[in-house]
């Protein structure tokens, strides 16, 4: 009877952290799945925009709040860096590599896995355009078509990257570790609980 009680170690002080912690393969698999879904969604919506929207002519979608405006952006936000497209492309590739290395080494949190999946999928969506769209590899223009007031025209990939970055900042502000095993366990010392009471 006593051995049955002592078996479920995950229900002990470190139990909640253990349930929230992903294996390395699990974290990478989930991250890759999120990135793949976003890459496909990004390319499908861009191809739709290219096939159906007139160039540089805003089309009302949600009144003045959201319009559909097709343009080709060879730079970054607001067209900055359009004269150094290969550098922008190389920077985006470096970001993806850095994210993957960080995920392999340190990420076991489901929330960080989600954030990095968003960033990776978004970056890959725009890298696809840089490498495979006209005029040439590493000089390709990114397809943008979503326009908000007083904001640069963007796409699904951009939303994913920004959303992932915001999530990472929020996790940092709330003190969430990339690996739950690295979080200090508040209940690991019974005496500290007694003193707190």
N, C-alpha and C. Protein backbone atom coordinates (compact mmCIF):
# COMPACT_ATOMS: atom_id res chain seq x y z
N UNK A 1 0.83 -1.20 0.00
CA UNK A 1 0.00 0.00 0.00
C UNK A 1 0.87 1.26 0.00
N UNK A 2 1.92 1.24 0.85
CA UNK A 2 2.78 2.42 0.93
C UNK A 2 3.52 2.66 -0.38
N UNK A 3 3.91 1.56 -1.10
CA UNK A 3 4.62 1.73 -2.36
C UNK A 3 3.73 2.37 -3.41
N UNK A 4 2.44 2.08 -3.37
CA UNK A 4 1.51 2.69 -4.32
C UNK A 4 1.42 4.19 -4.11
N UNK A 5 1.46 4.61 -2.86
CA UNK A 5 1.36 6.03 -2.55
C UNK A 5 2.59 6.78 -3.02
N UNK A 6 3.76 6.14 -2.93
CA UNK A 6 5.00 6.84 -3.24
C UNK A 6 5.32 6.84 -4.73
N UNK A 7 4.60 6.07 -5.56
CA UNK A 7 4.93 5.96 -6.97
C UNK A 7 4.75 7.25 -7.77
N UNK A 8 3.59 7.93 -7.65
CA UNK A 8 3.37 9.08 -8.53
C UNK A 8 4.22 10.29 -8.14
N UNK A 9 5.50 10.24 -8.46
CA UNK A 9 6.40 11.33 -8.07
C UNK A 9 6.05 12.62 -8.77
N UNK A 10 5.39 12.54 -9.94
CA UNK A 10 5.06 13.77 -10.65
C UNK A 10 4.03 14.60 -9.90
N UNK A 11 3.37 13.98 -8.92
CA UNK A 11 2.39 14.75 -8.15
C UNK A 11 3.03 15.48 -6.99
N UNK A 12 4.34 15.31 -6.79
CA UNK A 12 5.05 15.95 -5.70
C UNK A 12 5.34 17.39 -5.99
N UNK A 13 6.31 17.96 -5.27
CA UNK A 13 6.63 19.38 -5.40
C UNK A 13 6.95 19.80 -6.82
N UNK A 14 7.65 18.91 -7.58
CA UNK A 14 8.02 19.29 -8.94
C UNK A 14 7.01 18.80 -9.95
N UNK A 15 5.88 18.30 -9.51
CA UNK A 15 4.91 17.69 -10.42
C UNK A 15 4.35 18.66 -11.44
N UNK A 16 3.92 19.85 -10.99
CA UNK A 16 3.31 20.78 -11.93
C UNK A 16 4.31 21.21 -12.99
N UNK A 17 5.58 21.41 -12.58
CA UNK A 17 6.61 21.77 -13.55
C UNK A 17 6.87 20.65 -14.52
N UNK A 18 6.86 19.41 -14.02
CA UNK A 18 7.15 18.27 -14.89
C UNK A 18 6.07 18.12 -15.95
N UNK A 19 4.83 18.40 -15.59
CA UNK A 19 3.76 18.25 -16.57
C UNK A 19 3.83 19.33 -17.64
N UNK A 20 4.39 20.47 -17.30
CA UNK A 20 4.49 21.57 -18.26
C UNK A 20 5.76 21.49 -19.10
N UNK A 21 6.65 20.59 -18.81
CA UNK A 21 7.94 20.53 -19.50
C UNK A 21 7.88 19.55 -20.66
N UNK A 22 8.29 20.02 -21.84
CA UNK A 22 8.33 19.18 -23.02
C UNK A 22 9.71 18.55 -23.17
N UNK A 23 9.76 17.41 -23.81
CA UNK A 23 11.06 16.84 -24.17
C UNK A 23 11.65 17.66 -25.31
N UNK A 24 12.92 17.47 -25.58
CA UNK A 24 13.56 18.20 -26.68
C UNK A 24 12.87 17.87 -28.00
N UNK A 25 12.63 16.58 -28.24
CA UNK A 25 11.96 16.18 -29.47
C UNK A 25 10.54 16.71 -29.55
N UNK A 26 9.84 16.71 -28.42
CA UNK A 26 8.47 17.22 -28.39
C UNK A 26 8.42 18.70 -28.71
N UNK A 27 9.32 19.47 -28.09
CA UNK A 27 9.35 20.91 -28.33
C UNK A 27 9.67 21.21 -29.79
N UNK A 28 10.67 20.52 -30.33
CA UNK A 28 11.05 20.76 -31.73
C UNK A 28 9.95 20.32 -32.69
N UNK A 29 9.29 19.20 -32.37
CA UNK A 29 8.21 18.72 -33.22
C UNK A 29 7.04 19.68 -33.27
N UNK A 30 6.65 20.19 -32.09
CA UNK A 30 5.54 21.15 -32.03
C UNK A 30 5.92 22.44 -32.74
N UNK A 31 7.14 22.89 -32.50
CA UNK A 31 7.60 24.12 -33.14
C UNK A 31 7.60 23.98 -34.66
N UNK A 32 8.07 22.83 -35.15
CA UNK A 32 8.10 22.59 -36.59
C UNK A 32 6.70 22.53 -37.18
N UNK A 33 5.77 21.91 -36.44
CA UNK A 33 4.39 21.82 -36.93
C UNK A 33 3.75 23.20 -37.03
N UNK A 34 3.95 24.03 -35.99
CA UNK A 34 3.41 25.39 -36.02
C UNK A 34 4.00 26.18 -37.18
N UNK A 35 5.32 26.06 -37.36
CA UNK A 35 6.00 26.78 -38.43
C UNK A 35 5.50 26.32 -39.80
N UNK A 36 5.29 25.02 -39.97
CA UNK A 36 4.82 24.51 -41.26
C UNK A 36 3.42 25.00 -41.59
N UNK A 37 2.52 24.97 -40.59
CA UNK A 37 1.15 25.46 -40.81
C UNK A 37 1.17 26.94 -41.21
N UNK A 38 1.99 27.72 -40.52
CA UNK A 38 2.07 29.15 -40.83
C UNK A 38 2.67 29.39 -42.21
N UNK A 39 3.69 28.63 -42.55
CA UNK A 39 4.32 28.79 -43.87
C UNK A 39 3.30 28.53 -44.98
N UNK A 40 2.52 27.46 -44.84
CA UNK A 40 1.51 27.13 -45.85
C UNK A 40 0.43 28.21 -45.90
N UNK A 41 -0.07 28.63 -44.73
CA UNK A 41 -1.11 29.66 -44.69
C UNK A 41 -0.60 30.96 -45.30
N UNK A 42 0.64 31.32 -45.00
CA UNK A 42 1.22 32.55 -45.53
C UNK A 42 1.30 32.50 -47.05
N UNK A 43 1.80 31.41 -47.59
CA UNK A 43 1.96 31.31 -49.04
C UNK A 43 0.61 31.22 -49.76
N UNK A 44 -0.35 30.54 -49.17
CA UNK A 44 -1.68 30.47 -49.78
C UNK A 44 -2.32 31.85 -49.86
N UNK A 45 -2.22 32.61 -48.78
CA UNK A 45 -2.84 33.94 -48.78
C UNK A 45 -2.09 34.89 -49.72
N UNK A 46 -0.78 34.77 -49.79
CA UNK A 46 -0.01 35.61 -50.71
C UNK A 46 -0.35 35.28 -52.16
N UNK A 47 -0.43 34.00 -52.48
CA UNK A 47 -0.78 33.61 -53.85
C UNK A 47 -2.19 34.09 -54.21
N UNK A 48 -3.10 34.03 -53.23
CA UNK A 48 -4.45 34.55 -53.48
C UNK A 48 -4.40 36.04 -53.76
N UNK A 49 -3.63 36.76 -52.97
CA UNK A 49 -3.53 38.21 -53.15
C UNK A 49 -2.96 38.55 -54.52
N UNK A 50 -1.91 37.86 -54.93
CA UNK A 50 -1.29 38.12 -56.23
C UNK A 50 -2.28 37.85 -57.36
N UNK A 51 -3.10 36.81 -57.22
CA UNK A 51 -4.03 36.43 -58.28
C UNK A 51 -5.29 37.29 -58.32
N UNK A 52 -5.64 37.93 -57.22
CA UNK A 52 -6.96 38.58 -57.14
C UNK A 52 -6.95 40.07 -56.86
N UNK A 53 -5.83 40.62 -56.41
CA UNK A 53 -5.82 42.04 -56.04
C UNK A 53 -5.05 42.88 -57.05
N UNK A 54 -5.57 44.06 -57.39
CA UNK A 54 -4.82 44.95 -58.27
C UNK A 54 -3.65 45.57 -57.51
N UNK A 55 -2.58 45.82 -58.20
CA UNK A 55 -1.38 46.36 -57.56
C UNK A 55 -1.61 47.78 -57.07
N UNK A 56 -1.31 48.02 -55.78
CA UNK A 56 -1.32 49.35 -55.17
C UNK A 56 -2.69 50.04 -55.20
N UNK A 57 -3.76 49.26 -55.30
CA UNK A 57 -5.10 49.85 -55.26
C UNK A 57 -5.85 49.28 -54.05
N UNK A 58 -6.00 50.07 -52.99
CA UNK A 58 -6.65 49.57 -51.78
C UNK A 58 -8.08 49.09 -52.05
N UNK A 59 -8.38 47.91 -51.52
CA UNK A 59 -9.70 47.33 -51.63
C UNK A 59 -10.29 47.22 -50.23
N UNK A 60 -11.43 47.87 -49.97
CA UNK A 60 -12.02 47.82 -48.62
C UNK A 60 -12.33 46.38 -48.22
N UNK A 61 -11.99 46.03 -47.00
CA UNK A 61 -12.30 44.70 -46.46
C UNK A 61 -13.13 44.84 -45.20
N UNK A 62 -12.62 45.59 -44.23
CA UNK A 62 -13.38 45.94 -43.04
C UNK A 62 -13.45 47.46 -42.97
N UNK A 63 -14.11 48.05 -43.93
CA UNK A 63 -14.20 49.50 -44.00
C UNK A 63 -12.83 50.13 -44.14
N UNK A 64 -12.59 51.16 -43.34
CA UNK A 64 -11.29 51.83 -43.35
C UNK A 64 -10.31 51.18 -42.36
N UNK A 65 -10.81 50.27 -41.55
CA UNK A 65 -9.96 49.64 -40.53
C UNK A 65 -8.96 48.69 -41.17
N UNK A 66 -9.42 47.85 -42.07
CA UNK A 66 -8.54 46.89 -42.75
C UNK A 66 -8.85 46.90 -44.23
N UNK A 67 -7.83 47.21 -45.02
CA UNK A 67 -7.96 47.19 -46.48
C UNK A 67 -6.97 46.19 -47.06
N UNK A 68 -7.26 45.74 -48.25
CA UNK A 68 -6.38 44.82 -48.96
C UNK A 68 -5.65 45.60 -50.05
N UNK A 69 -4.35 45.76 -49.87
CA UNK A 69 -3.54 46.54 -50.81
C UNK A 69 -2.32 45.73 -51.20
N UNK A 70 -2.29 45.27 -52.43
CA UNK A 70 -1.17 44.44 -52.89
C UNK A 70 0.04 45.31 -53.21
N UNK A 71 1.17 44.94 -52.63
CA UNK A 71 2.44 45.57 -53.02
C UNK A 71 3.57 44.57 -52.83
N UNK A 72 4.68 44.87 -53.47
CA UNK A 72 5.86 44.00 -53.37
C UNK A 72 6.95 44.77 -52.64
N UNK A 73 7.38 44.23 -51.53
CA UNK A 73 8.32 44.92 -50.64
C UNK A 73 9.68 44.23 -50.69
N UNK A 74 10.67 44.92 -51.22
CA UNK A 74 12.02 44.35 -51.29
C UNK A 74 12.85 44.66 -50.05
N UNK A 75 12.27 45.44 -49.14
CA UNK A 75 12.98 45.79 -47.91
C UNK A 75 12.29 45.22 -46.69
N UNK A 76 12.43 45.91 -45.58
CA UNK A 76 11.78 45.50 -44.33
C UNK A 76 10.54 46.38 -44.14
N UNK A 77 10.12 46.60 -42.89
CA UNK A 77 8.95 47.43 -42.62
C UNK A 77 9.13 48.83 -43.18
N UNK A 78 8.02 49.39 -43.72
CA UNK A 78 8.04 50.70 -44.36
C UNK A 78 9.01 50.76 -45.54
N UNK A 79 9.38 49.61 -46.09
CA UNK A 79 10.27 49.58 -47.25
C UNK A 79 11.72 49.89 -46.92
N UNK A 80 12.07 49.98 -45.63
CA UNK A 80 13.46 50.30 -45.27
C UNK A 80 14.38 49.15 -45.68
N UNK A 81 15.55 49.50 -46.17
CA UNK A 81 16.53 48.49 -46.56
C UNK A 81 16.26 47.87 -47.92
N UNK A 82 15.44 48.53 -48.74
CA UNK A 82 15.11 47.95 -50.05
C UNK A 82 16.32 47.87 -50.97
N UNK A 83 17.33 48.70 -50.69
CA UNK A 83 18.53 48.69 -51.52
C UNK A 83 19.52 47.61 -51.09
N UNK A 84 19.25 46.96 -49.96
CA UNK A 84 20.16 45.90 -49.47
C UNK A 84 19.35 44.62 -49.20
N UNK A 85 18.53 44.25 -50.17
CA UNK A 85 17.66 43.07 -50.00
C UNK A 85 18.44 41.81 -49.63
N UNK A 86 19.59 41.52 -50.24
CA UNK A 86 20.33 40.31 -49.84
C UNK A 86 20.72 40.32 -48.37
N UNK A 87 21.05 41.50 -47.83
CA UNK A 87 21.41 41.60 -46.42
C UNK A 87 20.20 41.29 -45.54
N UNK A 88 19.04 41.84 -45.92
CA UNK A 88 17.80 41.57 -45.17
C UNK A 88 17.49 40.08 -45.21
N UNK A 89 17.67 39.47 -46.39
CA UNK A 89 17.43 38.03 -46.53
C UNK A 89 18.37 37.23 -45.64
N UNK A 90 19.65 37.58 -45.67
CA UNK A 90 20.63 36.88 -44.84
C UNK A 90 20.33 37.03 -43.36
N UNK A 91 19.87 38.22 -42.96
CA UNK A 91 19.53 38.46 -41.56
C UNK A 91 18.35 37.58 -41.14
N UNK A 92 17.35 37.45 -42.00
CA UNK A 92 16.20 36.62 -41.68
C UNK A 92 16.60 35.14 -41.56
N UNK A 93 17.49 34.69 -42.43
CA UNK A 93 17.96 33.31 -42.35
C UNK A 93 18.74 33.10 -41.05
N UNK A 94 19.56 34.09 -40.68
CA UNK A 94 20.33 33.99 -39.43
C UNK A 94 19.40 33.93 -38.22
N UNK A 95 18.30 34.68 -38.26
CA UNK A 95 17.34 34.66 -37.16
C UNK A 95 16.73 33.27 -37.01
N UNK A 96 16.35 32.66 -38.13
CA UNK A 96 15.77 31.31 -38.07
C UNK A 96 16.78 30.32 -37.49
N UNK A 97 18.01 30.40 -37.93
CA UNK A 97 19.04 29.50 -37.41
C UNK A 97 19.22 29.72 -35.91
N UNK A 98 19.27 30.98 -35.48
CA UNK A 98 19.41 31.28 -34.07
C UNK A 98 18.25 30.75 -33.24
N UNK A 99 17.03 30.90 -33.77
CA UNK A 99 15.85 30.41 -33.06
C UNK A 99 15.92 28.89 -32.90
N UNK A 100 16.29 28.19 -33.96
CA UNK A 100 16.36 26.72 -33.90
C UNK A 100 17.43 26.27 -32.91
N UNK A 101 18.59 26.91 -32.94
CA UNK A 101 19.67 26.56 -32.00
C UNK A 101 19.22 26.80 -30.56
N UNK A 102 18.58 27.93 -30.31
CA UNK A 102 18.07 28.24 -28.97
C UNK A 102 17.05 27.21 -28.53
N UNK A 103 16.16 26.82 -29.45
CA UNK A 103 15.13 25.83 -29.11
C UNK A 103 15.76 24.49 -28.75
N UNK A 104 16.76 24.06 -29.52
CA UNK A 104 17.42 22.78 -29.25
C UNK A 104 18.11 22.80 -27.89
N UNK A 105 18.76 23.91 -27.58
CA UNK A 105 19.56 23.97 -26.35
C UNK A 105 18.75 24.23 -25.09
N UNK A 106 17.71 25.06 -25.21
CA UNK A 106 17.13 25.58 -23.97
C UNK A 106 15.62 25.51 -23.83
N UNK A 107 14.89 25.33 -24.90
CA UNK A 107 13.43 25.50 -24.79
C UNK A 107 12.72 24.18 -24.52
N UNK A 108 11.99 24.14 -23.39
CA UNK A 108 11.15 22.99 -23.04
C UNK A 108 9.77 23.47 -22.60
N UNK A 109 9.55 24.75 -22.62
CA UNK A 109 8.27 25.33 -22.20
C UNK A 109 7.30 25.33 -23.38
N UNK A 110 6.06 24.90 -23.17
CA UNK A 110 5.06 24.96 -24.25
C UNK A 110 4.85 26.38 -24.78
N UNK A 111 4.88 27.37 -23.88
CA UNK A 111 4.66 28.74 -24.31
C UNK A 111 5.79 29.26 -25.17
N UNK A 112 7.02 28.98 -24.79
CA UNK A 112 8.16 29.39 -25.62
C UNK A 112 8.17 28.62 -26.93
N UNK A 113 7.75 27.36 -26.89
CA UNK A 113 7.66 26.57 -28.12
C UNK A 113 6.69 27.20 -29.09
N UNK A 114 5.54 27.65 -28.58
CA UNK A 114 4.56 28.34 -29.42
C UNK A 114 5.14 29.61 -30.00
N UNK A 115 5.78 30.42 -29.16
CA UNK A 115 6.35 31.69 -29.61
C UNK A 115 7.40 31.48 -30.69
N UNK A 116 8.29 30.52 -30.47
CA UNK A 116 9.35 30.28 -31.46
C UNK A 116 8.80 29.65 -32.73
N UNK A 117 7.74 28.86 -32.61
CA UNK A 117 7.09 28.32 -33.80
C UNK A 117 6.50 29.44 -34.65
N UNK A 118 5.88 30.43 -34.00
CA UNK A 118 5.32 31.57 -34.71
C UNK A 118 6.42 32.36 -35.43
N UNK A 119 7.50 32.63 -34.72
CA UNK A 119 8.60 33.40 -35.31
C UNK A 119 9.23 32.64 -36.47
N UNK A 120 9.47 31.35 -36.28
CA UNK A 120 10.10 30.55 -37.33
C UNK A 120 9.21 30.46 -38.56
N UNK A 121 7.92 30.16 -38.36
CA UNK A 121 7.02 30.06 -39.50
C UNK A 121 6.89 31.37 -40.25
N UNK A 122 6.79 32.47 -39.51
CA UNK A 122 6.70 33.77 -40.17
C UNK A 122 7.96 34.12 -40.93
N UNK A 123 9.09 33.90 -40.31
CA UNK A 123 10.36 34.20 -40.98
C UNK A 123 10.54 33.35 -42.24
N UNK A 124 10.18 32.07 -42.16
CA UNK A 124 10.30 31.20 -43.33
C UNK A 124 9.37 31.63 -44.46
N UNK A 125 8.18 32.14 -44.10
CA UNK A 125 7.27 32.62 -45.12
C UNK A 125 7.87 33.75 -45.94
N UNK A 126 8.51 34.70 -45.25
CA UNK A 126 9.13 35.82 -45.97
C UNK A 126 10.44 35.41 -46.64
N UNK A 127 11.18 34.48 -46.03
CA UNK A 127 12.40 33.98 -46.67
C UNK A 127 12.05 33.29 -47.98
N UNK A 128 10.95 32.56 -47.99
CA UNK A 128 10.50 31.91 -49.24
C UNK A 128 10.38 32.95 -50.35
N UNK A 129 9.75 34.09 -50.03
CA UNK A 129 9.60 35.14 -51.04
C UNK A 129 10.95 35.69 -51.47
N UNK A 130 11.83 35.92 -50.49
CA UNK A 130 13.15 36.48 -50.82
C UNK A 130 13.94 35.56 -51.75
N UNK A 131 13.78 34.27 -51.56
CA UNK A 131 14.59 33.32 -52.33
C UNK A 131 13.94 32.91 -53.66
N UNK A 132 12.62 32.85 -53.69
CA UNK A 132 11.96 32.22 -54.84
C UNK A 132 11.10 33.16 -55.69
N UNK A 133 10.82 34.36 -55.23
CA UNK A 133 10.03 35.28 -56.05
C UNK A 133 10.94 36.21 -56.84
N UNK A 134 10.33 36.84 -57.86
CA UNK A 134 11.08 37.77 -58.71
C UNK A 134 11.63 38.93 -57.89
N UNK A 135 12.75 39.53 -58.28
CA UNK A 135 13.42 39.29 -59.57
C UNK A 135 14.42 38.14 -59.59
N UNK A 136 15.01 37.79 -58.40
CA UNK A 136 16.01 36.72 -58.40
C UNK A 136 16.23 36.26 -56.96
N UNK A 137 16.88 35.08 -56.79
CA UNK A 137 17.15 34.59 -55.44
C UNK A 137 17.92 35.62 -54.59
N UNK A 138 17.52 35.75 -53.34
CA UNK A 138 18.08 36.69 -52.37
C UNK A 138 17.70 38.14 -52.67
N UNK A 139 17.07 38.38 -53.81
CA UNK A 139 16.60 39.72 -54.15
C UNK A 139 15.08 39.77 -54.30
N UNK A 140 14.41 38.67 -54.01
CA UNK A 140 12.97 38.59 -54.20
C UNK A 140 12.21 39.56 -53.32
N UNK A 141 11.07 40.03 -53.84
CA UNK A 141 10.23 40.96 -53.10
C UNK A 141 9.15 40.19 -52.35
N UNK A 142 8.92 40.58 -51.10
CA UNK A 142 7.90 39.95 -50.27
C UNK A 142 6.53 40.49 -50.66
N UNK A 143 5.56 39.60 -50.73
CA UNK A 143 4.19 40.00 -51.05
C UNK A 143 3.49 40.46 -49.77
N UNK A 144 3.06 41.72 -49.76
CA UNK A 144 2.28 42.28 -48.64
C UNK A 144 0.91 42.68 -49.18
N UNK A 145 -0.12 42.56 -48.33
CA UNK A 145 -1.45 42.91 -48.83
C UNK A 145 -2.44 43.33 -47.74
N UNK A 146 -2.07 43.29 -46.49
CA UNK A 146 -2.96 43.69 -45.40
C UNK A 146 -2.56 45.07 -44.92
N UNK A 147 -3.53 45.99 -44.90
CA UNK A 147 -3.21 47.38 -44.55
C UNK A 147 -4.13 47.89 -43.46
N UNK A 148 -3.52 48.37 -42.38
CA UNK A 148 -4.21 49.07 -41.29
C UNK A 148 -3.87 50.56 -41.38
N UNK A 149 -4.71 51.42 -40.81
CA UNK A 149 -4.39 52.85 -40.84
C UNK A 149 -3.06 53.14 -40.14
N UNK A 150 -2.24 53.97 -40.78
CA UNK A 150 -0.97 54.45 -40.20
C UNK A 150 -0.05 53.28 -39.84
N UNK A 151 -0.05 52.25 -40.63
CA UNK A 151 0.80 51.09 -40.38
C UNK A 151 1.29 50.54 -41.71
N UNK A 152 2.52 50.04 -41.77
CA UNK A 152 2.98 49.50 -43.06
C UNK A 152 2.16 48.28 -43.49
N UNK A 153 2.01 48.11 -44.79
CA UNK A 153 1.28 46.96 -45.31
C UNK A 153 2.04 45.69 -44.92
N UNK A 154 1.32 44.65 -44.51
CA UNK A 154 1.96 43.45 -43.98
C UNK A 154 1.28 42.20 -44.51
N UNK A 155 1.68 41.05 -43.99
CA UNK A 155 1.13 39.77 -44.43
C UNK A 155 1.01 38.82 -43.23
N UNK A 156 0.58 37.60 -43.48
CA UNK A 156 0.40 36.62 -42.40
C UNK A 156 1.73 36.32 -41.71
N UNK A 157 2.81 36.23 -42.49
CA UNK A 157 4.13 35.95 -41.91
C UNK A 157 4.54 37.03 -40.93
N UNK A 158 4.30 38.28 -41.30
CA UNK A 158 4.63 39.40 -40.41
C UNK A 158 3.84 39.31 -39.11
N UNK A 159 2.56 38.98 -39.21
CA UNK A 159 1.73 38.85 -38.00
C UNK A 159 2.30 37.78 -37.08
N UNK A 160 2.74 36.67 -37.66
CA UNK A 160 3.28 35.57 -36.85
C UNK A 160 4.56 35.98 -36.14
N UNK A 161 5.45 36.65 -36.85
CA UNK A 161 6.72 37.09 -36.24
C UNK A 161 6.46 38.08 -35.11
N UNK A 162 5.61 39.06 -35.36
CA UNK A 162 5.31 40.06 -34.33
C UNK A 162 4.61 39.42 -33.14
N UNK A 163 3.65 38.53 -33.42
CA UNK A 163 2.94 37.85 -32.34
C UNK A 163 3.88 37.01 -31.49
N UNK A 164 4.79 36.29 -32.14
CA UNK A 164 5.76 35.49 -31.39
C UNK A 164 6.69 36.34 -30.56
N UNK A 165 7.14 37.47 -31.12
CA UNK A 165 8.03 38.37 -30.37
C UNK A 165 7.32 38.96 -29.16
N UNK A 166 6.06 39.37 -29.34
CA UNK A 166 5.30 39.93 -28.22
C UNK A 166 5.12 38.88 -27.13
N UNK A 167 4.85 37.64 -27.54
CA UNK A 167 4.67 36.57 -26.56
C UNK A 167 5.95 36.32 -25.77
N UNK A 168 7.10 36.35 -26.43
CA UNK A 168 8.38 36.15 -25.73
C UNK A 168 8.62 37.28 -24.72
N UNK A 169 8.33 38.51 -25.13
CA UNK A 169 8.49 39.64 -24.20
C UNK A 169 7.57 39.47 -23.00
N UNK A 170 6.33 39.07 -23.25
CA UNK A 170 5.37 38.88 -22.16
C UNK A 170 5.83 37.77 -21.22
N UNK A 171 6.34 36.67 -21.77
CA UNK A 171 6.83 35.57 -20.94
C UNK A 171 8.00 36.02 -20.07
N UNK A 172 8.87 36.85 -20.65
CA UNK A 172 9.99 37.38 -19.88
C UNK A 172 9.51 38.28 -18.75
N UNK A 173 8.52 39.13 -19.04
CA UNK A 173 8.00 40.03 -18.02
C UNK A 173 7.33 39.27 -16.87
N UNK A 174 6.68 38.15 -17.19
CA UNK A 174 6.02 37.35 -16.16
C UNK A 174 6.95 36.31 -15.53
N UNK A 175 8.23 36.34 -15.92
CA UNK A 175 9.21 35.45 -15.30
C UNK A 175 9.07 33.99 -15.67
N UNK A 176 8.52 33.71 -16.85
CA UNK A 176 8.39 32.33 -17.31
C UNK A 176 9.70 31.91 -17.96
N UNK A 177 10.27 30.81 -17.49
CA UNK A 177 11.54 30.33 -18.01
C UNK A 177 11.34 29.54 -19.29
N UNK A 178 12.37 29.55 -20.15
CA UNK A 178 12.30 28.77 -21.38
C UNK A 178 12.26 27.27 -21.08
N UNK A 179 12.84 26.88 -19.96
CA UNK A 179 12.80 25.49 -19.51
C UNK A 179 12.20 25.48 -18.11
N UNK A 180 11.01 24.90 -17.93
CA UNK A 180 10.36 24.90 -16.61
C UNK A 180 11.23 24.27 -15.52
N UNK A 181 12.14 23.39 -15.89
CA UNK A 181 13.01 22.77 -14.89
C UNK A 181 13.94 23.79 -14.26
N UNK A 182 14.15 24.91 -14.95
CA UNK A 182 15.03 25.95 -14.42
C UNK A 182 14.31 26.89 -13.47
N UNK A 183 12.97 26.80 -13.42
CA UNK A 183 12.22 27.65 -12.51
C UNK A 183 12.38 27.19 -11.07
N UNK A 184 12.63 28.11 -10.14
CA UNK A 184 12.71 27.71 -8.74
C UNK A 184 11.37 27.20 -8.25
N UNK A 185 11.39 26.09 -7.52
CA UNK A 185 10.14 25.52 -7.01
C UNK A 185 9.78 26.17 -5.70
N UNK A 186 8.64 26.85 -5.67
CA UNK A 186 8.25 27.58 -4.47
C UNK A 186 7.91 26.65 -3.32
N UNK A 187 7.47 25.43 -3.66
CA UNK A 187 7.03 24.51 -2.60
C UNK A 187 8.06 23.43 -2.30
N UNK A 188 9.29 23.59 -2.85
CA UNK A 188 10.28 22.53 -2.66
C UNK A 188 10.79 22.46 -1.23
N UNK A 189 10.72 23.57 -0.49
CA UNK A 189 11.20 23.59 0.88
C UNK A 189 10.00 23.73 1.82
N UNK A 190 9.58 22.65 2.49
CA UNK A 190 8.41 22.71 3.36
C UNK A 190 8.55 23.76 4.44
N UNK A 191 9.75 24.00 4.94
CA UNK A 191 9.95 24.95 6.02
C UNK A 191 9.61 26.37 5.56
N UNK A 192 9.90 26.67 4.25
CA UNK A 192 9.59 28.00 3.74
C UNK A 192 8.09 28.22 3.68
N UNK A 193 7.34 27.17 3.39
CA UNK A 193 5.89 27.27 3.39
C UNK A 193 5.36 27.55 4.79
N UNK A 194 5.99 26.91 5.79
CA UNK A 194 5.56 27.11 7.17
C UNK A 194 5.80 28.55 7.57
N UNK A 195 7.00 29.11 7.16
CA UNK A 195 7.32 30.47 7.53
C UNK A 195 6.39 31.47 6.85
N UNK A 196 6.00 31.12 5.62
CA UNK A 196 5.11 32.03 4.89
C UNK A 196 3.76 32.14 5.55
N UNK A 197 3.33 31.08 6.19
CA UNK A 197 2.06 31.12 6.87
C UNK A 197 2.17 31.93 8.14
